[in-house]
Amino acid sequence: MPLTPEEPQIHESAQGPRVTPAASRTAQTPRPVPGPRPAVVPRPGRPGPSPAAASRAGSAPRPAPPVQRAAQATPGPVPAAPTAPSVSAAVPQVQLIPASVEGALDAAEEAVDLLLDTGRAPGDILVLTTGDPHPWAAHELSFGEAAYWAQHDAGDDVFYADAAQAERASGRPVVVFAANGGPADAVAGTLPAALARAGALLIVCGDAQQINSVLSASV
């Protein structure tokens, strides 16, 4: 089935850093605050999982995507097939999803959903934000940093962190970077660290001109 422009996909390659623009994205309605994923022991008062997470937790394993999906994809970033390259890959591919400051986090969530839909393991993905923390991170930090970072160290699920904490986060095959505000130099100061932690693919959601400038300076 042909995909619509609202369903960008992300291709991986081992090429040097380059940025592929995609159609401009407008801010979307914020997603519901995601709750704990199935691997986390529930705590009293925690919000329930999002519909997407509940579907992934309670349903049978997803079938492989149909062949025609890749063949008829519209131009733009395309999620990679589940080749699971090593984090030690020399140079990650960089894909850009243009988004406003208000829409960057939502764009990052869509990118994560597409990666999971195409077979990426949740533990392969690290999401970094420059502005307001992802709701999951804010919620988990309310139980203390020790419990929060223990989930990072377990490495069995998607992990969300502030970009300022990128130095503490371990590298993963895929890093999704949401330029959703923060200090004026947040992107310039933390995007290189995100690139260094991406083993195969760095997906950047934000202002295309600013991101191109930062990536060009860091190469």
Protein backbone atom coordinates (compact mmCIF):
# COMPACT_ATOMS: atom_id res chain seq x y z
CA MET A 1 0.00 0.00 0.00
CA PRO A 2 1.49 3.44 -0.87
CA LEU A 3 2.42 5.48 2.12
CA THR A 4 1.25 9.01 2.70
CA PRO A 5 3.67 11.88 3.48
CA GLU A 6 2.59 11.59 7.09
CA GLU A 7 4.33 8.21 7.31
CA PRO A 8 8.00 9.01 6.68
CA GLN A 9 10.35 6.07 6.81
CA ILE A 10 14.01 5.95 7.64
CA HIS A 11 16.71 4.05 5.65
CA GLU A 12 19.99 3.11 7.24
CA SER A 13 23.31 3.03 5.45
CA ALA A 14 26.95 3.08 6.44
CA GLN A 15 27.63 6.28 4.53
CA GLY A 16 29.18 9.35 6.12
CA PRO A 17 27.04 11.94 7.87
CA ARG A 18 24.59 13.51 5.49
CA VAL A 19 21.21 15.07 5.90
CA THR A 20 18.19 14.15 3.82
CA PRO A 21 15.38 16.72 4.05
CA ALA A 22 11.81 15.55 4.23
CA ALA A 23 8.49 17.31 3.97
CA SER A 24 7.94 20.01 6.58
CA ARG A 25 6.04 18.81 9.59
CA THR A 26 3.59 20.92 11.51
CA ALA A 27 3.08 20.66 15.24
CA GLN A 28 0.65 17.91 16.13
CA THR A 29 -1.51 17.29 19.10
CA PRO A 30 0.74 16.03 21.93
CA ARG A 31 0.51 12.30 22.50
CA PRO A 32 -0.91 10.99 25.78
CA VAL A 33 1.69 10.63 28.50
CA PRO A 34 3.12 7.15 28.00
CA GLY A 35 3.18 4.88 30.97
CA PRO A 36 5.66 2.20 31.91
CA ARG A 37 6.53 -0.41 29.36
CA PRO A 38 5.85 -4.09 30.17
CA ALA A 39 9.42 -4.78 31.34
CA VAL A 40 9.09 -2.31 34.23
CA VAL A 41 7.50 -3.44 37.50
CA PRO A 42 4.33 -1.33 37.96
CA ARG A 43 4.32 1.17 40.79
CA PRO A 44 1.16 2.45 42.49
CA GLY A 45 -0.32 5.43 40.75
CA ARG A 46 1.62 5.06 37.50
CA PRO A 47 -0.32 6.00 34.35
CA GLY A 48 -1.35 3.22 32.03
CA PRO A 49 0.60 2.54 28.84
CA SER A 50 -0.23 4.37 25.64
CA PRO A 51 -2.47 2.55 23.12
CA ALA A 52 0.56 1.85 20.89
CA ALA A 53 2.55 0.40 23.79
CA ALA A 54 -0.42 -1.66 24.99
CA SER A 55 -0.88 -3.04 21.51
CA ARG A 56 2.80 -4.02 21.30
CA ALA A 57 2.67 -5.62 24.77
CA GLY A 58 -0.53 -7.64 24.41
CA SER A 59 -0.53 -8.74 20.80
CA ALA A 60 1.36 -11.40 18.93
CA PRO A 61 4.71 -10.47 17.34
CA ARG A 62 4.30 -8.10 14.39
CA PRO A 63 4.56 -9.72 10.97
CA ALA A 64 7.29 -8.55 8.63
CA PRO A 65 6.32 -5.44 6.62
CA PRO A 66 4.96 -6.24 3.15
CA VAL A 67 7.45 -5.97 0.33
CA GLN A 68 5.43 -3.36 -1.53
CA ARG A 69 5.69 -0.97 1.45
CA ALA A 70 9.36 -0.32 0.80
CA ALA A 71 9.00 -0.36 -2.96
CA GLN A 72 6.26 2.30 -3.01
CA ALA A 73 7.45 4.52 -0.20
CA THR A 74 7.22 8.26 -0.73
CA PRO A 75 10.43 10.34 -0.73
CA GLY A 76 11.85 11.21 2.66
CA PRO A 77 13.40 9.46 5.64
CA VAL A 78 12.48 5.77 5.68
CA PRO A 79 12.82 3.44 8.70
CA ALA A 80 15.57 0.92 8.27
CA ALA A 81 15.01 -2.77 7.86
CA PRO A 82 15.93 -4.73 10.98
CA THR A 83 19.54 -5.42 10.09
CA ALA A 84 20.66 -4.59 13.65
CA PRO A 85 24.14 -3.26 12.88
CA SER A 86 26.67 -3.07 15.67
CA VAL A 87 26.99 0.03 17.82
CA SER A 88 30.64 0.02 16.83
CA ALA A 89 29.85 0.98 13.22
CA ALA A 90 32.33 3.64 12.16
CA VAL A 91 30.06 6.39 10.86
CA PRO A 92 26.28 6.53 11.37
CA GLN A 93 23.86 7.74 8.75
CA VAL A 94 22.07 10.98 9.58
CA GLN A 95 18.41 11.51 8.66
CA LEU A 96 16.57 14.79 9.20
CA ILE A 97 12.86 15.15 9.90
CA PRO A 98 12.08 18.90 9.65
CA ALA A 99 9.86 19.98 12.53
CA SER A 100 9.05 23.06 14.57
CA VAL A 101 10.18 23.35 18.17
CA GLU A 102 6.63 22.49 19.25
CA GLY A 103 6.39 19.49 16.90
CA ALA A 104 9.88 18.02 17.34
CA LEU A 105 8.99 15.67 20.20
CA ASP A 106 5.92 14.38 18.41
CA ALA A 107 8.02 13.81 15.28
CA ALA A 108 10.53 11.87 17.37
CA GLU A 109 7.73 9.67 18.75
CA GLU A 110 6.55 8.91 15.22
CA ALA A 111 10.09 7.97 14.23
CA VAL A 112 10.32 5.59 17.20
CA ASP A 113 6.99 3.98 16.26
CA LEU A 114 8.17 3.45 12.68
CA LEU A 115 11.44 1.93 13.85
CA LEU A 116 9.60 -0.51 16.11
CA ASP A 117 7.10 -1.32 13.36
CA THR A 118 9.93 -2.33 11.03
CA GLY A 119 11.49 -4.68 13.56
CA ARG A 120 13.91 -2.59 15.55
CA ALA A 121 14.36 -3.89 19.09
CA PRO A 122 13.25 -1.33 21.72
CA GLY A 123 16.63 -1.61 23.42
CA ASP A 124 18.32 -0.39 20.21
CA ILE A 125 16.80 3.09 20.56
CA LEU A 126 17.85 6.12 22.62
CA VAL A 127 15.77 9.32 22.47
CA LEU A 128 17.32 12.65 23.50
CA THR A 129 15.44 15.92 23.98
CA THR A 130 16.88 19.45 24.23
CA GLY A 131 13.88 21.13 25.85
CA ASP A 132 11.09 19.72 27.99
CA PRO A 133 11.80 16.10 28.91
CA HIS A 134 9.76 13.34 27.35
CA PRO A 135 6.76 12.57 29.62
CA TRP A 136 8.10 9.05 30.26
CA ALA A 137 11.44 10.43 31.48
CA ALA A 138 9.75 13.02 33.69
CA HIS A 139 7.54 10.36 35.24
CA GLU A 140 10.31 7.84 35.86
CA LEU A 141 12.61 10.48 37.36
CA SER A 142 9.91 11.16 39.94
CA PHE A 143 10.88 7.80 41.48
CA GLY A 144 14.53 8.80 41.74
CA GLU A 145 17.55 8.83 39.47
CA ALA A 146 18.78 5.42 40.63
CA ALA A 147 15.65 3.64 39.39
CA TYR A 148 15.59 5.77 36.24
CA TRP A 149 19.18 4.97 35.22
CA ALA A 150 18.74 1.32 36.17
CA GLN A 151 16.28 1.09 33.29
CA HIS A 152 18.90 2.63 31.01
CA ASP A 153 21.50 0.11 32.15
CA ALA A 154 19.09 -2.80 31.59
CA GLY A 155 19.05 -1.83 27.91
CA ASP A 156 15.89 -3.75 27.10
CA ASP A 157 13.59 -0.86 26.17
CA VAL A 158 13.53 2.54 24.49
CA PHE A 159 15.21 5.03 26.82
CA TYR A 160 14.38 8.75 26.95
CA ALA A 161 16.80 11.31 28.36
CA ASP A 162 17.59 15.01 28.34
CA ALA A 163 20.26 15.80 25.75
CA ALA A 164 22.30 17.39 28.54
CA GLN A 165 22.62 13.85 29.95
CA ALA A 166 23.92 12.44 26.66
CA GLU A 167 27.40 12.05 28.10
CA ARG A 168 26.04 9.63 30.70
CA ALA A 169 23.98 7.62 28.23
CA SER A 170 25.53 4.62 26.51
CA GLY A 171 25.67 4.34 22.75
CA ARG A 172 22.89 2.51 20.93
CA PRO A 173 22.41 1.54 17.29
CA VAL A 174 19.80 4.27 16.79
CA VAL A 175 19.62 7.69 18.45
CA VAL A 176 16.59 9.94 17.92
CA PHE A 177 17.35 13.60 18.70
CA ALA A 178 14.42 15.99 19.28
CA ALA A 179 15.37 19.69 19.10
CA ASN A 180 12.33 20.77 21.11
CA GLY A 181 13.66 23.95 22.71
CA GLY A 182 15.94 24.56 25.66
CA PRO A 183 18.90 26.97 25.84
CA ALA A 184 19.92 28.81 22.68
CA ASP A 185 23.01 26.64 22.28
CA ALA A 186 21.28 23.36 23.19
CA VAL A 187 21.42 21.87 19.70
CA ALA A 188 24.97 22.98 18.95
CA GLY A 189 26.17 21.77 22.34
CA THR A 190 24.54 18.33 22.39
CA LEU A 191 23.97 17.19 18.79
CA PRO A 192 27.64 16.15 18.35
CA ALA A 193 27.34 13.98 21.48
CA ALA A 194 24.19 12.38 20.07
CA LEU A 195 26.01 11.67 16.81
CA ALA A 196 28.87 10.05 18.71
CA ARG A 197 26.42 7.68 20.45
CA ALA A 198 24.59 6.58 17.33
CA GLY A 199 26.00 3.29 16.12
CA ALA A 200 24.17 3.08 12.78
CA LEU A 201 21.58 5.85 12.51
CA LEU A 202 20.95 9.32 13.95
CA ILE A 203 17.47 10.74 13.36
CA VAL A 204 17.22 14.47 14.05
CA CYS A 205 13.84 16.19 14.43
CA GLY A 206 13.99 19.98 14.31
CA ASP A 207 14.83 23.08 12.29
CA ALA A 208 16.58 21.95 9.10
CA GLN A 209 18.75 25.05 8.67
CA GLN A 210 20.01 24.99 12.25
CA ILE A 211 20.70 21.26 12.21
CA ASN A 212 22.54 21.39 8.88
CA SER A 213 24.72 24.17 10.23
CA VAL A 214 25.62 22.23 13.38
CA LEU A 215 26.30 18.98 11.55
CA SER A 216 28.47 20.71 8.95
CA ALA A 217 30.55 22.29 11.70
CA SER A 218 30.99 18.98 13.52
CA VAL A 219 32.20 17.00 10.49
